[in-house]
Protein backbone atom coordinates (compact mmCIF):
# COMPACT_ATOMS: atom_id res chain seq x y z
CA MET A 1 -24.33 -12.02 61.73
CA ASP A 2 -26.20 -10.91 64.54
CA PRO A 3 -24.11 -10.55 67.82
CA THR A 4 -26.49 -12.86 69.36
CA HIS A 5 -25.83 -15.59 66.77
CA VAL A 6 -22.34 -15.21 67.19
CA ASP A 7 -22.43 -15.80 70.71
CA ALA A 8 -24.69 -18.63 70.51
CA LEU A 9 -22.28 -20.17 67.85
CA GLY A 10 -19.30 -19.74 70.48
CA LEU A 11 -21.13 -21.26 72.92
CA VAL A 12 -22.27 -24.26 71.13
CA ALA A 13 -18.23 -24.94 69.91
CA GLY A 14 -17.04 -24.32 73.61
CA CYS A 15 -19.56 -26.77 74.75
CA LEU A 16 -18.59 -29.40 72.11
CA THR A 17 -14.78 -28.96 72.54
CA THR A 18 -14.91 -28.78 76.32
CA ALA A 19 -17.30 -31.98 76.47
CA ALA A 20 -14.54 -33.71 74.45
CA PHE A 21 -12.53 -34.23 77.50
CA VAL A 22 -15.18 -35.29 79.83
CA PRO A 23 -14.66 -39.15 78.72
CA GLN A 24 -10.65 -38.64 79.22
CA VAL A 25 -11.33 -37.38 82.75
CA VAL A 26 -13.95 -40.38 83.38
CA GLN A 27 -11.17 -42.66 82.11
CA VAL A 28 -8.50 -41.57 84.12
CA VAL A 29 -10.53 -41.30 87.38
CA ARG A 30 -12.41 -44.76 86.93
CA SER A 31 -8.95 -46.34 86.13
CA ARG A 32 -6.92 -44.61 88.30
CA SER A 33 -4.25 -44.73 85.68
CA ALA A 34 -3.10 -41.73 83.63
CA ARG A 35 0.01 -43.86 82.18
CA ASP A 36 -1.08 -43.19 78.59
CA VAL A 37 -1.49 -39.13 79.21
CA SER A 38 1.12 -37.16 78.03
CA LEU A 39 2.33 -34.92 80.76
CA ALA A 40 4.03 -32.67 78.30
CA THR A 41 0.96 -32.08 76.14
CA PHE A 42 -1.58 -31.56 79.00
CA ALA A 43 0.84 -29.33 80.87
CA LEU A 44 1.15 -27.32 77.49
CA PHE A 45 -2.37 -27.40 76.85
CA SER A 46 -3.67 -26.09 80.29
CA ALA A 47 -1.28 -23.10 79.88
CA GLY A 48 -2.54 -22.21 76.63
CA VAL A 49 -6.20 -22.91 77.68
CA ALA A 50 -5.52 -20.60 80.71
CA LEU A 51 -4.24 -17.87 78.27
CA TRP A 52 -7.26 -18.29 76.01
CA LEU A 53 -9.40 -17.68 79.55
CA VAL A 54 -7.52 -14.45 80.32
CA TYR A 55 -7.73 -13.43 76.38
CA GLY A 56 -11.51 -14.00 76.91
CA VAL A 57 -11.76 -12.02 80.24
CA VAL A 58 -10.17 -9.01 78.63
CA LEU A 59 -12.34 -9.09 76.00
CA GLY A 60 -15.57 -9.88 77.67
CA ALA A 61 -16.07 -12.62 75.59
CA VAL A 62 -18.63 -14.99 77.81
CA PRO A 63 -18.55 -17.76 75.44
CA VAL A 64 -14.57 -18.01 75.82
CA ILE A 65 -14.34 -17.28 79.06
CA LEU A 66 -17.05 -20.39 79.67
CA ALA A 67 -15.76 -22.80 77.72
CA ASN A 68 -12.03 -22.14 78.68
CA ALA A 69 -12.54 -22.22 82.28
CA VAL A 70 -14.51 -25.76 82.47
CA THR A 71 -11.83 -26.93 80.05
CA LEU A 72 -9.27 -25.70 82.14
CA VAL A 73 -10.65 -27.15 85.20
CA LEU A 74 -10.87 -30.69 83.18
CA SER A 75 -7.04 -30.24 81.81
CA VAL A 76 -5.78 -29.77 85.46
CA ALA A 77 -8.05 -32.42 86.75
CA ILE A 78 -6.37 -34.94 84.37
CA LEU A 79 -2.92 -33.27 85.30
CA VAL A 80 -3.63 -33.85 88.89
CA CYS A 81 -4.57 -37.48 88.23
CA LYS A 82 -1.25 -38.24 85.86
CA LEU A 83 0.97 -36.53 88.83
CA ARG A 84 -0.89 -38.72 91.78
CA PHE A 85 -1.51 -41.86 89.95
CA LYS A 86 1.94 -42.34 89.37
């Protein structure tokens, strides 16, 4: 597969998996409640995404960097809401 197509595939995959978190962030912010969100799950998930981001930076893989940077922001936003809306 052509490297350009591989990057396009990565960008589409990253957009879809990152977009999956947007409804959760919107729901938590609108309801001002994160009671049903697991703190442990999102803390571990955020740590994993941060490591994927570092991995992408080391490789210079733009799709990995972009997807994980945005996902990290969304995941940390949910964590902040979880801690703030107790």
